[in-house]
Amino acid sequence: MEQQTAQPEMTVIGGVDEIVEEFQPKIEAMICTYCTYAAADLAGSQRLQYPPTVKIVKYPCTGRISVAHILKAFELGADAVLVGGCEVGTCHFIEGNLRATERVAYAKKLLEETGLGGDRLEMFYISASDSHGFVNAVNEMTDRAKKMGPNFLGQARG
């Protein structure tokens, strides 16, 4: 029995065969060392599947993430950004995740004003043992970015 492999969808445009690939959004995950990074590491240890286009940026605490960091990620081509911190009340730096929540809310307003869309950014609270929570957050942001399409700022940069 001959095994068939999946082929990318082919379309004919102007008499030339062209491969049309599905848009794979680039997701930047800005995450804290103590909780969300531990959950991401656990997800890897458990061999949980999530899109390979996620770039993890580890911070000591999400309280160190500035609005400028978030906006720079979009400028450099991220289609969506997730900020992952400790659950409310469990931050190792007391209230760093609460400061991050305020900054994410402000950045979302800025993204709406620029026309990029605030839904491309979200704050998630993920405990160190919640590997499935990390995977769900990545999948949610990937689905959102697919619905919204590519980041036009990233396309302009090339």
Protein backbone atom coordinates (compact mmCIF):
# COMPACT_ATOMS: atom_id res chain seq x y z
CA MET A 1 0.00 0.00 0.00
CA GLU A 2 1.44 3.34 -1.07
CA GLN A 3 1.58 6.04 1.60
CA GLN A 4 0.57 9.53 0.50
CA THR A 5 2.09 12.62 2.05
CA ALA A 6 0.17 15.84 2.56
CA GLN A 7 0.99 18.40 -0.13
CA PRO A 8 0.51 22.16 0.16
CA GLU A 9 -2.56 23.46 -1.64
CA MET A 10 -1.77 24.30 -5.28
CA THR A 11 -3.45 27.06 -7.22
CA VAL A 12 -2.98 28.20 -10.79
CA ILE A 13 -2.46 31.94 -11.15
CA GLY A 14 -1.90 33.31 -14.65
CA GLY A 15 -0.95 29.89 -15.98
CA VAL A 16 1.80 29.42 -13.35
CA ASP A 17 1.53 26.88 -10.57
CA GLU A 18 2.04 28.54 -7.22
CA ILE A 19 2.12 26.99 -3.78
CA VAL A 20 -0.18 28.79 -1.36
CA GLU A 21 0.80 28.11 2.23
CA GLU A 22 -1.38 28.76 5.23
CA PHE A 23 -0.43 31.86 7.24
CA GLN A 24 1.59 30.82 10.30
CA PRO A 25 1.56 33.73 12.74
CA LYS A 26 4.64 34.64 14.74
CA ILE A 27 3.80 34.74 18.44
CA GLU A 28 6.08 36.35 20.99
CA ALA A 29 5.58 35.04 24.53
CA MET A 30 6.95 37.42 27.16
CA ILE A 31 6.91 35.30 30.28
CA CYS A 32 8.14 35.32 33.86
CA THR A 33 10.85 32.95 35.03
CA TYR A 34 9.09 31.57 38.08
CA CYS A 35 5.68 30.55 36.83
CA THR A 36 4.94 30.76 33.13
CA TYR A 37 8.43 29.73 32.00
CA ALA A 38 8.24 26.75 34.34
CA ALA A 39 4.85 25.87 32.79
CA ALA A 40 6.33 26.17 29.28
CA ASP A 41 9.24 23.95 30.32
CA LEU A 42 6.82 21.43 31.79
CA ALA A 43 4.79 21.48 28.56
CA GLY A 44 7.96 20.55 26.70
CA SER A 45 8.78 17.78 29.17
CA GLN A 46 5.27 16.40 28.76
CA ARG A 47 5.65 16.65 24.97
CA LEU A 48 2.51 18.79 24.67
CA GLN A 49 2.06 20.16 21.17
CA TYR A 50 1.81 23.86 20.37
CA PRO A 51 2.74 25.89 17.29
CA PRO A 52 6.49 26.05 16.59
CA THR A 53 6.31 29.73 15.65
CA VAL A 54 6.32 30.84 19.30
CA LYS A 55 9.33 32.84 20.44
CA ILE A 56 9.76 32.76 24.22
CA VAL A 57 11.35 35.76 25.89
CA LYS A 58 12.04 35.10 29.56
CA TYR A 59 11.88 37.94 32.11
CA PRO A 60 12.67 37.72 35.83
CA CYS A 61 9.13 39.05 36.38
CA THR A 62 6.42 40.37 34.07
CA GLY A 63 6.64 43.58 36.12
CA ARG A 64 9.85 44.28 34.14
CA ILE A 65 8.00 44.28 30.80
CA SER A 66 7.44 47.81 29.56
CA VAL A 67 4.98 49.09 26.99
CA ALA A 68 8.03 49.83 24.80
CA HIS A 69 9.04 46.12 24.89
CA ILE A 70 5.57 45.10 23.77
CA LEU A 71 5.38 47.65 20.95
CA LYS A 72 8.91 46.77 19.80
CA ALA A 73 7.85 43.12 19.42
CA PHE A 74 5.13 44.21 17.00
CA GLU A 75 7.51 46.54 15.18
CA LEU A 76 9.89 43.60 14.70
CA GLY A 77 7.16 41.47 13.14
CA ALA A 78 5.28 39.62 15.87
CA ASP A 79 1.71 38.92 14.78
CA ALA A 80 0.60 38.53 18.41
CA VAL A 81 2.14 38.91 21.85
CA LEU A 82 1.18 37.05 24.98
CA VAL A 83 2.38 38.18 28.37
CA GLY A 84 2.41 35.33 30.86
CA GLY A 85 2.81 35.95 34.56
CA CYS A 86 2.16 34.36 37.91
CA GLU A 87 -1.42 33.95 39.06
CA VAL A 88 -2.81 36.97 40.89
CA GLY A 89 -1.63 36.93 44.51
CA THR A 90 1.28 34.56 43.87
CA CYS A 91 3.83 36.84 42.17
CA HIS A 92 7.33 36.23 43.52
CA PHE A 93 7.92 40.00 43.33
CA ILE A 94 4.69 40.83 45.20
CA GLU A 95 2.74 42.68 42.50
CA GLY A 96 4.82 42.58 39.33
CA ASN A 97 2.05 40.78 37.46
CA LEU A 98 -0.39 43.54 38.46
CA ARG A 99 1.95 46.19 37.01
CA ALA A 100 2.20 44.10 33.85
CA THR A 101 -1.59 43.91 33.65
CA GLU A 102 -1.82 47.71 33.69
CA ARG A 103 0.87 48.03 31.01
CA VAL A 104 -0.78 45.42 28.80
CA ALA A 105 -4.11 47.27 29.07
CA TYR A 106 -2.41 50.54 28.03
CA ALA A 107 -0.57 48.86 25.15
CA LYS A 108 -3.86 47.32 23.94
CA LYS A 109 -5.35 50.83 23.74
CA LEU A 110 -2.34 52.02 21.73
CA LEU A 111 -2.64 49.06 19.36
CA GLU A 112 -6.32 49.88 18.80
CA GLU A 113 -5.46 53.50 18.05
CA THR A 114 -2.82 52.49 15.49
CA GLY A 115 -5.24 50.17 13.73
CA LEU A 116 -3.25 47.03 14.47
CA GLY A 117 -5.83 45.79 16.97
CA GLY A 118 -5.69 45.30 20.72
CA ASP A 119 -6.74 41.66 20.41
CA ARG A 120 -3.21 40.85 19.23
CA LEU A 121 -2.05 41.28 22.84
CA GLU A 122 -3.22 39.51 25.99
CA MET A 123 -2.12 38.95 29.58
CA PHE A 124 -2.38 35.40 30.94
CA TYR A 125 -1.90 34.22 34.52
CA ILE A 126 -0.32 30.78 34.46
CA SER A 127 1.00 28.83 37.44
CA ALA A 128 4.21 26.82 37.26
CA SER A 129 2.31 23.53 37.17
CA ASP A 130 -0.18 24.62 34.49
CA SER A 131 1.50 23.31 31.35
CA HIS A 132 -1.88 22.95 29.64
CA GLY A 133 -2.66 26.58 30.50
CA PHE A 134 0.50 27.68 28.67
CA VAL A 135 -0.36 25.58 25.62
CA ASN A 136 -3.93 26.90 25.63
CA ALA A 137 -2.68 30.50 25.82
CA VAL A 138 -0.33 29.96 22.86
CA ASN A 139 -3.08 28.28 20.83
CA GLU A 140 -5.55 31.06 21.66
CA MET A 141 -3.13 33.76 20.52
CA THR A 142 -2.28 31.80 17.37
CA ASP A 143 -5.98 31.48 16.51
CA ARG A 144 -6.54 35.19 17.13
CA ALA A 145 -3.60 36.15 14.92
CA LYS A 146 -4.80 33.84 12.14
CA LYS A 147 -8.22 35.53 12.20
CA MET A 148 -6.68 39.02 12.18
CA GLY A 149 -4.08 38.26 9.51
CA PRO A 150 -0.43 39.27 9.34
CA ASN A 151 0.92 42.25 11.26
CA PHE A 152 1.20 45.05 8.70
CA LEU A 153 4.03 46.67 10.67
CA GLY A 154 6.12 43.51 10.37
CA GLN A 155 5.38 43.28 6.65
CA ALA A 156 6.61 46.84 6.11
CA ARG A 157 9.97 45.97 7.65
CA GLY A 158 10.39 43.00 5.34
